[in-house]
Amino acid sequence: MADNKKPYIAKLDTKVRVYRLDKQQDATGATVDDRVLVCDTYAALGANTGGLDLEEKVTQLVNASYVIRKRNGIVGVVNLELEDTETDKVYKVHYVRKIGRSHLELICVDYD
């Protein structure tokens, strides 16, 4: 959502899960990302755009914006992932923006 207005409750119709990625070591000593569920909630799908990234190889870049009610454990966390449970698509959360005192906008990126 490009403006600072909070969405109506009826627009929060997309089921999403937000995960925090914690670095762990496996039995061989390699570093792996452990997904820890932060919240399981409904979101309003905002702007959804796409394009091509032509650096070393051609990849498709998808930007998505989801607005959720404010939750503890999301603001200030660096490694977050958002899973849209309706499409089974997993996005990397690039930025979290506060909308007023009660909502957050999660700006997400996905490279296909």
PDB file of N, CA and C in Angstrom:
ATOM      1  N   MET A   1       0.838  -1.168   0.000  1.00  0.00           N
ATOM      2  CA  MET A   1       0.000   0.000   0.000  1.00  0.00           C
ATOM      3  C   MET A   1       0.890   1.241   0.000  1.00  0.00           C
ATOM      4  N   ALA A   2       0.695   2.094  -0.950  1.00  0.00           N
ATOM      5  CA  ALA A   2       1.563   3.246  -1.107  1.00  0.00           C
ATOM      6  C   ALA A   2       1.235   4.360  -0.132  1.00  0.00           C
ATOM      7  N   ASP A   3       0.018   4.422   0.343  1.00  0.00           N
ATOM      8  CA  ASP A   3      -0.348   5.500   1.251  1.00  0.00           C
ATOM      9  C   ASP A   3      -0.198   5.043   2.701  1.00  0.00           C
ATOM     10  N   ASN A   4      -0.435   5.968   3.622  1.00  0.00           N
ATOM     11  CA  ASN A   4      -0.287   5.673   5.046  1.00  0.00           C
ATOM     12  C   ASN A   4      -1.589   5.247   5.684  1.00  0.00           C
ATOM     13  N   LYS A   5      -2.587   4.926   4.910  1.00  0.00           N
ATOM     14  CA  LYS A   5      -3.878   4.530   5.462  1.00  0.00           C
ATOM     15  C   LYS A   5      -3.868   3.064   5.837  1.00  0.00           C
ATOM     16  N   LYS A   6      -4.500   2.755   6.950  1.00  0.00           N
ATOM     17  CA  LYS A   6      -4.635   1.373   7.380  1.00  0.00           C
ATOM     18  C   LYS A   6      -5.720   0.705   6.534  1.00  0.00           C
ATOM     19  N   PRO A   7      -5.571  -0.583   6.243  1.00  0.00           N
ATOM     20  CA  PRO A   7      -6.585  -1.271   5.443  1.00  0.00           C
ATOM     21  C   PRO A   7      -7.822  -1.572   6.284  1.00  0.00           C
ATOM     22  N   TYR A   8      -8.946  -1.660   5.614  1.00  0.00           N
ATOM     23  CA  TYR A   8     -10.154  -2.109   6.285  1.00  0.00           C
ATOM     24  C   TYR A   8      -9.980  -3.569   6.683  1.00  0.00           C
ATOM     25  N   ILE A   9     -10.670  -3.982   7.722  1.00  0.00           N
ATOM     26  CA  ILE A   9     -10.524  -5.337   8.235  1.00  0.00           C
ATOM     27  C   ILE A   9     -10.889  -6.382   7.174  1.00  0.00           C
ATOM     28  N   ALA A  10     -11.806  -6.065   6.284  1.00  0.00           N
ATOM     29  CA  ALA A  10     -12.211  -7.017   5.247  1.00  0.00           C
ATOM     30  C   ALA A  10     -11.113  -7.239   4.204  1.00  0.00           C
ATOM     31  N   LYS A  11     -10.159  -6.322   4.099  1.00  0.00           N
ATOM     32  CA  LYS A  11      -9.074  -6.485   3.138  1.00  0.00           C
ATOM     33  C   LYS A  11      -7.979  -7.417   3.645  1.00  0.00           C
ATOM     34  N   LEU A  12      -7.979  -7.719   4.926  1.00  0.00           N
ATOM     35  CA  LEU A  12      -7.004  -8.659   5.489  1.00  0.00           C
ATOM     36  C   LEU A  12      -7.496 -10.081   5.229  1.00  0.00           C
ATOM     37  N   ASP A  13      -7.374 -10.518   3.972  1.00  0.00           N
ATOM     38  CA  ASP A  13      -7.979 -11.779   3.555  1.00  0.00           C
ATOM     39  C   ASP A  13      -6.993 -12.821   3.045  1.00  0.00           C
ATOM     40  N   THR A  14      -5.711 -12.532   3.091  1.00  0.00           N
ATOM     41  CA  THR A  14      -4.696 -13.464   2.617  1.00  0.00           C
ATOM     42  C   THR A  14      -3.969 -14.061   3.814  1.00  0.00           C
ATOM     43  N   LYS A  15      -3.996 -15.372   3.942  1.00  0.00           N
ATOM     44  CA  LYS A  15      -3.351 -16.052   5.069  1.00  0.00           C
ATOM     45  C   LYS A  15      -1.847 -16.118   4.818  1.00  0.00           C
ATOM     46  N   VAL A  16      -1.050 -15.603   5.777  1.00  0.00           N
ATOM     47  CA  VAL A  16       0.403 -15.600   5.646  1.00  0.00           C
ATOM     48  C   VAL A  16       1.047 -16.090   6.945  1.00  0.00           C
ATOM     49  N   ARG A  17       2.275 -16.550   6.809  1.00  0.00           N
ATOM     50  CA  ARG A  17       3.106 -16.902   7.954  1.00  0.00           C
ATOM     51  C   ARG A  17       4.414 -16.134   7.835  1.00  0.00           C
ATOM     52  N   VAL A  18       4.880 -15.566   8.951  1.00  0.00           N
ATOM     53  CA  VAL A  18       6.143 -14.848   8.972  1.00  0.00           C
ATOM     54  C   VAL A  18       7.125 -15.667   9.802  1.00  0.00           C
ATOM     55  N   TYR A  19       8.302 -15.917   9.213  1.00  0.00           N
ATOM     56  CA  TYR A  19       9.340 -16.706   9.864  1.00  0.00           C
ATOM     57  C   TYR A  19      10.582 -15.851  10.101  1.00  0.00           C
ATOM     58  N   ARG A  20      11.281 -16.137  11.206  1.00  0.00           N
ATOM     59  CA  ARG A  20      12.593 -15.544  11.478  1.00  0.00           C
ATOM     60  C   ARG A  20      13.623 -16.610  11.140  1.00  0.00           C
ATOM     61  N   LEU A  21      14.680 -16.227  10.446  1.00  0.00           N
ATOM     62  CA  LEU A  21      15.739 -17.169  10.083  1.00  0.00           C
ATOM     63  C   LEU A  21      16.875 -17.054  11.083  1.00  0.00           C
ATOM     64  N   ASP A  22      17.101 -18.127  11.837  1.00  0.00           N
ATOM     65  CA  ASP A  22      18.191 -18.175  12.798  1.00  0.00           C
ATOM     66  C   ASP A  22      19.303 -19.038  12.232  1.00  0.00           C
ATOM     67  N   LYS A  23      20.544 -18.591  12.394  1.00  0.00           N
ATOM     68  CA  LYS A  23      21.707 -19.360  11.939  1.00  0.00           C
ATOM     69  C   LYS A  23      22.010 -20.444  12.967  1.00  0.00           C
ATOM     70  N   GLN A  24      22.099 -21.684  12.503  1.00  0.00           N
ATOM     71  CA  GLN A  24      22.423 -22.839  13.345  1.00  0.00           C
ATOM     72  C   GLN A  24      23.527 -23.636  12.663  1.00  0.00           C
ATOM     73  N   GLN A  25      24.223 -24.448  13.449  1.00  0.00           N
ATOM     74  CA  GLN A  25      25.212 -25.354  12.880  1.00  0.00           C
ATOM     75  C   GLN A  25      24.664 -26.772  12.921  1.00  0.00           C
ATOM     76  N   ASP A  26      24.827 -27.473  11.801  1.00  0.00           N
ATOM     77  CA  ASP A  26      24.379 -28.866  11.783  1.00  0.00           C
ATOM     78  C   ASP A  26      25.481 -29.772  12.329  1.00  0.00           C
ATOM     79  N   ALA A  27      25.294 -31.070  12.222  1.00  0.00           N
ATOM     80  CA  ALA A  27      26.236 -32.030  12.802  1.00  0.00           C
ATOM     81  C   ALA A  27      27.623 -31.962  12.166  1.00  0.00           C
ATOM     82  N   THR A  28      27.686 -31.525  10.903  1.00  0.00           N
ATOM     83  CA  THR A  28      28.985 -31.441  10.228  1.00  0.00           C
ATOM     84  C   THR A  28      29.671 -30.099  10.445  1.00  0.00           C
ATOM     85  N   GLY A  29      28.989 -29.160  11.107  1.00  0.00           N
ATOM     86  CA  GLY A  29      29.567 -27.842  11.367  1.00  0.00           C
ATOM     87  C   GLY A  29      29.195 -26.790  10.343  1.00  0.00           C
ATOM     88  N   ALA A  30      28.415 -27.157   9.343  1.00  0.00           N
ATOM     89  CA  ALA A  30      27.986 -26.197   8.329  1.00  0.00           C
ATOM     90  C   ALA A  30      26.872 -25.323   8.893  1.00  0.00           C
ATOM     91  N   THR A  31      26.828 -24.084   8.447  1.00  0.00           N
ATOM     92  CA  THR A  31      25.801 -23.154   8.902  1.00  0.00           C
ATOM     93  C   THR A  31      24.551 -23.317   8.053  1.00  0.00           C
ATOM     94  N   VAL A  32      23.415 -23.491   8.723  1.00  0.00           N
ATOM     95  CA  VAL A  32      22.132 -23.625   8.038  1.00  0.00           C
ATOM     96  C   VAL A  32      21.140 -22.651   8.667  1.00  0.00           C
ATOM     97  N   ASP A  33      20.124 -22.269   7.888  1.00  0.00           N
ATOM     98  CA  ASP A  33      19.078 -21.384   8.393  1.00  0.00           C
ATOM     99  C   ASP A  33      17.953 -22.209   8.998  1.00  0.00           C
ATOM    100  N   ASP A  34      17.611 -21.914  10.244  1.00  0.00           N
ATOM    101  CA  ASP A  34      16.516 -22.572  10.933  1.00  0.00           C
ATOM    102  C   ASP A  34      15.329 -21.614  10.934  1.00  0.00           C
ATOM    103  N   ARG A  35      14.179 -22.052  10.371  1.00  0.00           N
ATOM    104  CA  ARG A  35      12.991 -21.193  10.295  1.00  0.00           C
ATOM    105  C   ARG A  35      12.191 -21.304  11.580  1.00  0.00           C
ATOM    106  N   VAL A  36      11.993 -20.154  12.254  1.00  0.00           N
ATOM    107  CA  VAL A  36      11.218 -20.085  13.487  1.00  0.00           C
ATOM    108  C   VAL A  36       9.965 -19.260  13.201  1.00  0.00           C
ATOM    109  N   LEU A  37       8.788 -19.837  13.456  1.00  0.00           N
ATOM    110  CA  LEU A  37       7.531 -19.146  13.180  1.00  0.00           C
ATOM    111  C   LEU A  37       7.359 -17.966  14.135  1.00  0.00           C
ATOM    112  N   VAL A  38       7.187 -16.764  13.584  1.00  0.00           N
ATOM    113  CA  VAL A  38       6.960 -15.564  14.390  1.00  0.00           C
ATOM    114  C   VAL A  38       5.469 -15.313  14.533  1.00  0.00           C
ATOM    115  N   CYS A  39       4.722 -15.387  13.420  1.00  0.00           N
ATOM    116  CA  CYS A  39       3.274 -15.209  13.500  1.00  0.00           C
ATOM    117  C   CYS A  39       2.593 -15.888  12.319  1.00  0.00           C
ATOM    118  N   ASP A  40       1.349 -16.244  12.547  1.00  0.00           N
ATOM    119  CA  ASP A  40       0.475 -16.866  11.559  1.00  0.00           C
ATOM    120  C   ASP A  40      -0.775 -15.995  11.542  1.00  0.00           C
ATOM    121  N   THR A  41      -0.941 -15.182  10.497  1.00  0.00           N
ATOM    122  CA  THR A  41      -1.962 -14.143  10.531  1.00  0.00           C
ATOM    123  C   THR A  41      -2.553 -13.916   9.144  1.00  0.00           C
ATOM    124  N   TYR A  42      -3.454 -12.959   9.055  1.00  0.00           N
ATOM    125  CA  TYR A  42      -4.038 -12.537   7.783  1.00  0.00           C
ATOM    126  C   TYR A  42      -3.423 -11.211   7.359  1.00  0.00           C
ATOM    127  N   ALA A  43      -3.304 -11.010   6.046  1.00  0.00           N
ATOM    128  CA  ALA A  43      -2.682  -9.809   5.509  1.00  0.00           C
ATOM    129  C   ALA A  43      -3.487  -9.276   4.337  1.00  0.00           C
ATOM    130  N   ALA A  44      -3.275  -7.999   4.053  1.00  0.00           N
ATOM    131  CA  ALA A  44      -3.835  -7.360   2.858  1.00  0.00           C
ATOM    132  C   ALA A  44      -2.720  -7.282   1.831  1.00  0.00           C
ATOM    133  N   LEU A  45      -2.955  -7.842   0.654  1.00  0.00           N
ATOM    134  CA  LEU A  45      -1.968  -7.809  -0.419  1.00  0.00           C
ATOM    135  C   LEU A  45      -1.970  -6.424  -1.039  1.00  0.00           C
ATOM    136  N   GLY A  46      -0.805  -5.787  -1.052  1.00  0.00           N
ATOM    137  CA  GLY A  46      -0.675  -4.453  -1.631  1.00  0.00           C
ATOM    138  C   GLY A  46      -0.161  -4.541  -3.052  1.00  0.00           C
ATOM    139  N   ALA A  47       0.778  -3.674  -3.384  1.00  0.00           N
ATOM    140  CA  ALA A  47       1.346  -3.629  -4.724  1.00  0.00           C
ATOM    141  C   ALA A  47       2.144  -4.887  -4.999  1.00  0.00           C
ATOM    142  N   ASN A  48       1.991  -5.434  -6.205  1.00  0.00           N
ATOM    143  CA  ASN A  48       2.698  -6.631  -6.625  1.00  0.00           C
ATOM    144  C   ASN A  48       3.267  -6.348  -8.008  1.00  0.00           C
ATOM    145  N   THR A  49       4.597  -6.220  -8.109  1.00  0.00           N
ATOM    146  CA  THR A  49       5.236  -5.869  -9.374  1.00  0.00           C
ATOM    147  C   THR A  49       6.295  -6.909  -9.710  1.00  0.00           C
ATOM    148  N   GLY A  50       6.805  -6.851 -10.918  1.00  0.00           N
ATOM    149  CA  GLY A  50       7.834  -7.796 -11.336  1.00  0.00           C
ATOM    150  C   GLY A  50       8.749  -7.188 -12.366  1.00  0.00           C
ATOM    151  N   GLY A  51       9.822  -7.896 -12.657  1.00  0.00           N
ATOM    152  CA  GLY A  51      10.787  -7.432 -13.639  1.00  0.00           C
ATOM    153  C   GLY A  51      11.869  -8.469 -13.836  1.00  0.00           C
ATOM    154  N   LEU A  52      12.879  -8.128 -14.625  1.00  0.00           N
ATOM    155  CA  LEU A  52      13.994  -9.023 -14.886  1.00  0.00           C
ATOM    156  C   LEU A  52      15.274  -8.403 -14.349  1.00  0.00           C
ATOM    157  N   ASP A  53      16.125  -9.241 -13.759  1.00  0.00           N
ATOM    158  CA  ASP A  53      17.435  -8.821 -13.280  1.00  0.00           C
ATOM    159  C   ASP A  53      18.458  -9.456 -14.210  1.00  0.00           C
ATOM    160  N   LEU A  54      19.267  -8.634 -14.861  1.00  0.00           N
ATOM    161  CA  LEU A  54      20.171  -9.138 -15.891  1.00  0.00           C
ATOM    162  C   LEU A  54      21.622  -9.116 -15.458  1.00  0.00           C
ATOM    163  N   GLU A  55      21.900  -9.239 -14.138  1.00  0.00           N
ATOM    164  CA  GLU A  55      23.303  -9.283 -13.719  1.00  0.00           C
ATOM    165  C   GLU A  55      23.907 -10.573 -14.222  1.00  0.00           C
ATOM    166  N   GLU A  56      24.574 -11.387 -13.652  1.00  0.00           N
ATOM    167  CA  GLU A  56      25.274 -12.526 -14.229  1.00  0.00           C
ATOM    168  C   GLU A  56      24.375 -13.518 -14.955  1.00  0.00           C
ATOM    169  N   LYS A  57      23.121 -13.621 -14.555  1.00  0.00           N
ATOM    170  CA  LYS A  57      22.191 -14.506 -15.245  1.00  0.00           C
ATOM    171  C   LYS A  57      20.807 -13.852 -15.224  1.00  0.00           C
ATOM    172  N   VAL A  58      19.936 -14.329 -16.053  1.00  0.00           N
ATOM    173  CA  VAL A  58      18.599 -13.758 -16.125  1.00  0.00           C
ATOM    174  C   VAL A  58      17.750 -14.377 -15.020  1.00  0.00           C
ATOM    175  N   THR A  59      17.241 -13.547 -14.113  1.00  0.00           N
ATOM    176  CA  THR A  59      16.347 -14.005 -13.063  1.00  0.00           C
ATOM    177  C   THR A  59      15.137 -13.093 -13.035  1.00  0.00           C
ATOM    178  N   GLN A  60      14.037 -13.638 -12.652  1.00  0.00           N
ATOM    179  CA  GLN A  60      12.821 -12.852 -12.549  1.00  0.00           C
ATOM    180  C   GLN A  60      12.689 -12.324 -11.126  1.00  0.00           C
ATOM    181  N   LEU A  61      12.478 -11.027 -10.998  1.00  0.00           N
ATOM    182  CA  LEU A  61      12.361 -10.371  -9.706  1.00  0.00           C
ATOM    183  C   LEU A  61      10.905 -10.030  -9.457  1.00  0.00           C
ATOM    184  N   VAL A  62      10.375 -10.451  -8.315  1.00  0.00           N
ATOM    185  CA  VAL A  62       8.995 -10.166  -7.948  1.00  0.00           C
ATOM    186  C   VAL A  62       8.998  -9.383  -6.646  1.00  0.00           C
ATOM    187  N   ASN A  63       8.357  -8.226  -6.641  1.00  0.00           N
ATOM    188  CA  ASN A  63       8.198  -7.428  -5.439  1.00  0.00           C
ATOM    189  C   ASN A  63       6.740  -7.507  -5.006  1.00  0.00           C
ATOM    190  N   ALA A  64       6.536  -7.711  -3.722  1.00  0.00           N
ATOM    191  CA  ALA A  64       5.181  -7.778  -3.183  1.00  0.00           C
ATOM    192  C   ALA A  64       5.134  -6.990  -1.887  1.00  0.00           C
ATOM    193  N   SER A  65       3.942  -6.512  -1.552  1.00  0.00           N
ATOM    194  CA  SER A  65       3.742  -5.745  -0.334  1.00  0.00           C
ATOM    195  C   SER A  65       2.558  -6.342   0.409  1.00  0.00           C
ATOM    196  N   TYR A  66       2.764  -6.663   1.681  1.00  0.00           N
ATOM    197  CA  TYR A  66       1.710  -7.217   2.530  1.00  0.00           C
ATOM    198  C   TYR A  66       1.557  -6.333   3.761  1.00  0.00           C
ATOM    199  N   VAL A  67       0.318  -6.047   4.145  1.00  0.00           N
ATOM    200  CA  VAL A  67       0.038  -5.265   5.341  1.00  0.00           C
ATOM    201  C   VAL A  67      -0.601  -6.190   6.371  1.00  0.00           C
ATOM    202  N   ILE A  68      -0.013  -6.220   7.569  1.00  0.00           N
ATOM    203  CA  ILE A  68      -0.525  -7.045   8.647  1.00  0.00           C
ATOM    204  C   ILE A  68      -0.731  -6.180   9.881  1.00  0.00           C
ATOM    205  N   ARG A  69      -1.466  -6.718  10.851  1.00  0.00           N
ATOM    206  CA  ARG A  69      -1.575  -6.041  12.136  1.00  0.00           C
ATOM    207  C   ARG A  69      -0.238  -6.141  12.845  1.00  0.00           C
ATOM    208  N   LYS A  70       0.097  -5.135  13.627  1.00  0.00           N
ATOM    209  CA  LYS A  70       1.386  -5.071  14.295  1.00  0.00           C
ATOM    210  C   LYS A  70       1.577  -6.264  15.230  1.00  0.00           C
ATOM    211  N   ARG A  71       2.744  -6.887  15.168  1.00  0.00           N
ATOM    212  CA  ARG A  71       3.102  -8.042  15.982  1.00  0.00           C
ATOM    213  C   ARG A  71       4.461  -7.805  16.631  1.00  0.00           C
ATOM    214  N   ASN A  72       4.632  -8.332  17.825  1.00  0.00           N
ATOM    215  CA  ASN A  72       5.940  -8.303  18.461  1.00  0.00           C
ATOM    216  C   ASN A  72       6.860  -9.286  17.753  1.00  0.00           C
ATOM    217  N   GLY A  73       8.134  -8.961  17.673  1.00  0.00           N
ATOM    218  CA  GLY A  73       9.102  -9.861  17.064  1.00  0.00           C
ATOM    219  C   GLY A  73       9.311  -9.655  15.591  1.00  0.00           C
ATOM    220  N   ILE A  74       8.705  -8.634  15.005  1.00  0.00           N
ATOM    221  CA  ILE A  74       8.894  -8.386  13.573  1.00  0.00           C
ATOM    222  C   ILE A  74       9.712  -7.125  13.332  1.00  0.00           C
ATOM    223  N   VAL A  75       9.414  -6.054  14.045  1.00  0.00           N
ATOM    224  CA  VAL A  75      10.116  -4.789  13.846  1.00  0.00           C
ATOM    225  C   VAL A  75      11.539  -4.922  14.384  1.00  0.00           C
ATOM    226  N   GLY A  76      12.523  -4.569  13.578  1.00  0.00           N
ATOM    227  CA  GLY A  76      13.915  -4.615  13.987  1.00  0.00           C
ATOM    228  C   GLY A  76      14.608  -5.938  13.721  1.00  0.00           C
ATOM    229  N   VAL A  77      13.892  -6.946  13.256  1.00  0.00           N
ATOM    230  CA  VAL A  77      14.498  -8.239  12.950  1.00  0.00           C
ATOM    231  C   VAL A  77      15.012  -8.199  11.515  1.00  0.00           C
ATOM    232  N   VAL A  78      16.244  -8.688  11.309  1.00  0.00           N
ATOM    233  CA  VAL A  78      16.875  -8.574   9.992  1.00  0.00           C
ATOM    234  C   VAL A  78      16.461  -9.696   9.052  1.00  0.00           C
ATOM    235  N   ASN A  79      16.537 -10.937   9.477  1.00  0.00           N
ATOM    236  CA  ASN A  79      16.276 -12.069   8.582  1.00  0.00           C
ATOM    237  C   ASN A  79      14.851 -12.575   8.756  1.00  0.00           C
ATOM    238  N   LEU A  80      13.954 -12.119   7.875  1.00  0.00           N
ATOM    239  CA  LEU A  80      12.567 -12.568   7.917  1.00  0.00           C
ATOM    240  C   LEU A  80      12.165 -13.138   6.570  1.00  0.00           C
ATOM    241  N   GLU A  81      11.273 -14.119   6.600  1.00  0.00           N
ATOM    242  CA  GLU A  81      10.645 -14.656   5.398  1.00  0.00           C
ATOM    243  C   GLU A  81       9.145 -14.612   5.585  1.00  0.00           C
ATOM    244  N   LEU A  82       8.424 -14.378   4.489  1.00  0.00           N
ATOM    245  CA  LEU A  82       6.973 -14.381   4.512  1.00  0.00           C
ATOM    246  C   LEU A  82       6.493 -15.465   3.562  1.00  0.00           C
ATOM    247  N   GLU A  83       5.621 -16.323   4.048  1.00  0.00           N
ATOM    248  CA  GLU A  83       5.043 -17.389   3.217  1.00  0.00           C
ATOM    249  C   GLU A  83       3.573 -17.099   2.996  1.00  0.00           C
ATOM    250  N   ASP A  84       3.181 -16.943   1.744  1.00  0.00           N
ATOM    251  CA  ASP A  84       1.776 -16.792   1.379  1.00  0.00           C
ATOM    252  C   ASP A  84       1.200 -18.203   1.293  1.00  0.00           C
ATOM    253  N   THR A  85       0.370 -18.584   2.260  1.00  0.00           N
ATOM    254  CA  THR A  85      -0.111 -19.969   2.326  1.00  0.00           C
ATOM    255  C   THR A  85      -1.113 -20.304   1.234  1.00  0.00           C
ATOM    256  N   GLU A  86      -1.708 -19.308   0.602  1.00  0.00           N
ATOM    257  CA  GLU A  86      -2.656 -19.583  -0.476  1.00  0.00           C
ATOM    258  C   GLU A  86      -1.944 -19.961  -1.772  1.00  0.00           C
ATOM    259  N   THR A  87      -0.783 -19.355  -2.020  1.00  0.00           N
ATOM    260  CA  THR A  87      -0.032 -19.641  -3.242  1.00  0.00           C
ATOM    261  C   THR A  87       1.216 -20.476  -2.979  1.00  0.00           C
ATOM    262  N   ASP A  88       1.528 -20.739  -1.712  1.00  0.00           N
ATOM    263  CA  ASP A  88       2.739 -21.459  -1.297  1.00  0.00           C
ATOM    264  C   ASP A  88       4.010 -20.783  -1.796  1.00  0.00           C
ATOM    265  N   LYS A  89       3.974 -19.484  -1.906  1.00  0.00           N
ATOM    266  CA  LYS A  89       5.126 -18.703  -2.345  1.00  0.00           C
ATOM    267  C   LYS A  89       5.842 -18.159  -1.118  1.00  0.00           C
ATOM    268  N   VAL A  90       7.158 -18.241  -1.089  1.00  0.00           N
ATOM    269  CA  VAL A  90       7.957 -17.745   0.030  1.00  0.00           C
ATOM    270  C   VAL A  90       8.752 -16.540  -0.457  1.00  0.00           C
ATOM    271  N   TYR A  91       8.609 -15.424   0.254  1.00  0.00           N
ATOM    272  CA  TYR A  91       9.298 -14.177  -0.069  1.00  0.00           C
ATOM    273  C   TYR A  91      10.311 -13.850   1.016  1.00  0.00           C
ATOM    274  N   LYS A  92      11.382 -13.195   0.636  1.00  0.00           N
ATOM    275  CA  LYS A  92      12.339 -12.626   1.580  1.00  0.00           C
ATOM    276  C   LYS A  92      11.839 -11.230   1.936  1.00  0.00           C
ATOM    277  N   VAL A  93      11.676 -10.941   3.234  1.00  0.00           N
ATOM    278  CA  VAL A  93      11.203  -9.625   3.660  1.00  0.00           C
ATOM    279  C   VAL A  93      12.379  -8.663   3.573  1.00  0.00           C
ATOM    280  N   HIS A  94      12.243  -7.663   2.705  1.00  0.00           N
ATOM    281  CA  HIS A  94      13.309  -6.690   2.472  1.00  0.00           C
ATOM    282  C   HIS A  94      13.247  -5.540   3.469  1.00  0.00           C
ATOM    283  N   TYR A  95      12.036  -5.119   3.833  1.00  0.00           N
ATOM    284  CA  TYR A  95      11.869  -3.954   4.700  1.00  0.00           C
ATOM    285  C   TYR A  95      10.525  -4.035   5.411  1.00  0.00           C
ATOM    286  N   VAL A  96      10.491  -3.590   6.672  1.00  0.00           N
ATOM    287  CA  VAL A  96       9.254  -3.526   7.447  1.00  0.00           C
ATOM    288  C   VAL A  96       8.985  -2.057   7.764  1.00  0.00           C
ATOM    289  N   ARG A  97       7.815  -1.573   7.359  1.00  0.00           N
ATOM    290  CA  ARG A  97       7.449  -0.167   7.559  1.00  0.00           C
ATOM    291  C   ARG A  97       6.224  -0.090   8.453  1.00  0.00           C
ATOM    292  N   LYS A  98       6.293   0.783   9.446  1.00  0.00           N
ATOM    293  CA  LYS A  98       5.152   0.976  10.342  1.00  0.00           C
ATOM    294  C   LYS A  98       4.099   1.842   9.664  1.00  0.00           C
ATOM    295  N   ILE A  99       2.835   1.458   9.827  1.00  0.00           N
ATOM    296  CA  ILE A  99       1.704   2.263   9.366  1.00  0.00           C
ATOM    297  C   ILE A  99       0.893   2.595  10.608  1.00  0.00           C
ATOM    298  N   GLY A 100       1.065   3.786  11.092  1.00  0.00           N
ATOM    299  CA  GLY A 100       0.371   4.177  12.314  1.00  0.00           C
ATOM    300  C   GLY A 100       0.881   3.369  13.498  1.00  0.00           C
ATOM    301  N   ARG A 101       0.002   3.140  14.474  1.00  0.00           N
ATOM    302  CA  ARG A 101       0.397   2.380  15.654  1.00  0.00           C
ATOM    303  C   ARG A 101      -0.054   0.930  15.600  1.00  0.00           C
ATOM    304  N   SER A 102      -0.861   0.567  14.616  1.00  0.00           N
ATOM    305  CA  SER A 102      -1.474  -0.755  14.663  1.00  0.00           C
ATOM    306  C   SER A 102      -1.166  -1.678  13.482  1.00  0.00           C
ATOM    307  N   HIS A 103      -0.471  -1.202  12.446  1.00  0.00           N
ATOM    308  CA  HIS A 103      -0.224  -2.036  11.272  1.00  0.00           C
ATOM    309  C   HIS A 103       1.229  -1.941  10.820  1.00  0.00           C
ATOM    310  N   LEU A 104       1.664  -2.965  10.104  1.00  0.00           N
ATOM    311  CA  LEU A 104       3.001  -3.018   9.512  1.00  0.00           C
ATOM    312  C   LEU A 104       2.880  -3.384   8.041  1.00  0.00           C
ATOM    313  N   GLU A 105       3.714  -2.776   7.230  1.00  0.00           N
ATOM    314  CA  GLU A 105       3.801  -3.140   5.820  1.00  0.00           C
ATOM    315  C   GLU A 105       5.106  -3.879   5.602  1.00  0.00           C
ATOM    316  N   LEU A 106       5.026  -5.095   5.064  1.00  0.00           N
ATOM    317  CA  LEU A 106       6.198  -5.906   4.792  1.00  0.00           C
ATOM    318  C   LEU A 106       6.485  -5.859   3.302  1.00  0.00           C
ATOM    319  N   ILE A 107       7.605  -5.249   2.932  1.00  0.00           N
ATOM    320  CA  ILE A 107       8.029  -5.158   1.539  1.00  0.00           C
ATOM    321  C   ILE A 107       8.867  -6.406   1.255  1.00  0.00           C
ATOM    322  N   CYS A 108       8.411  -7.220   0.299  1.00  0.00           N
ATOM    323  CA  CYS A 108       9.017  -8.531   0.065  1.00  0.00           C
ATOM    324  C   CYS A 108       9.617  -8.621  -1.334  1.00  0.00           C
ATOM    325  N   VAL A 109      10.634  -9.489  -1.470  1.00  0.00           N
ATOM    326  CA  VAL A 109      11.308  -9.714  -2.742  1.00  0.00           C
ATOM    327  C   VAL A 109      11.442 -11.214  -2.946  1.00  0.00           C
ATOM    328  N   ASP A 110      11.288 -11.648  -4.196  1.00  0.00           N
ATOM    329  CA  ASP A 110      11.487 -13.046  -4.541  1.00  0.00           C
ATOM    330  C   ASP A 110      12.196 -13.128  -5.874  1.00  0.00           C
ATOM    331  N   TYR A 111      13.273 -13.908  -5.934  1.00  0.00           N
ATOM    332  CA  TYR A 111      13.993 -14.163  -7.187  1.00  0.00           C
ATOM    333  C   TYR A 111      13.635 -15.544  -7.668  1.00  0.00           C
ATOM    334  N   ASP A 112      13.059 -15.640  -8.859  1.00  0.00           N
ATOM    335  CA  ASP A 112      12.725 -16.952  -9.437  1.00  0.00           C
ATOM    336  C   ASP A 112      13.869 -17.431 -10.306  1.00  0.00           C
TER     337      ASP A 112
END
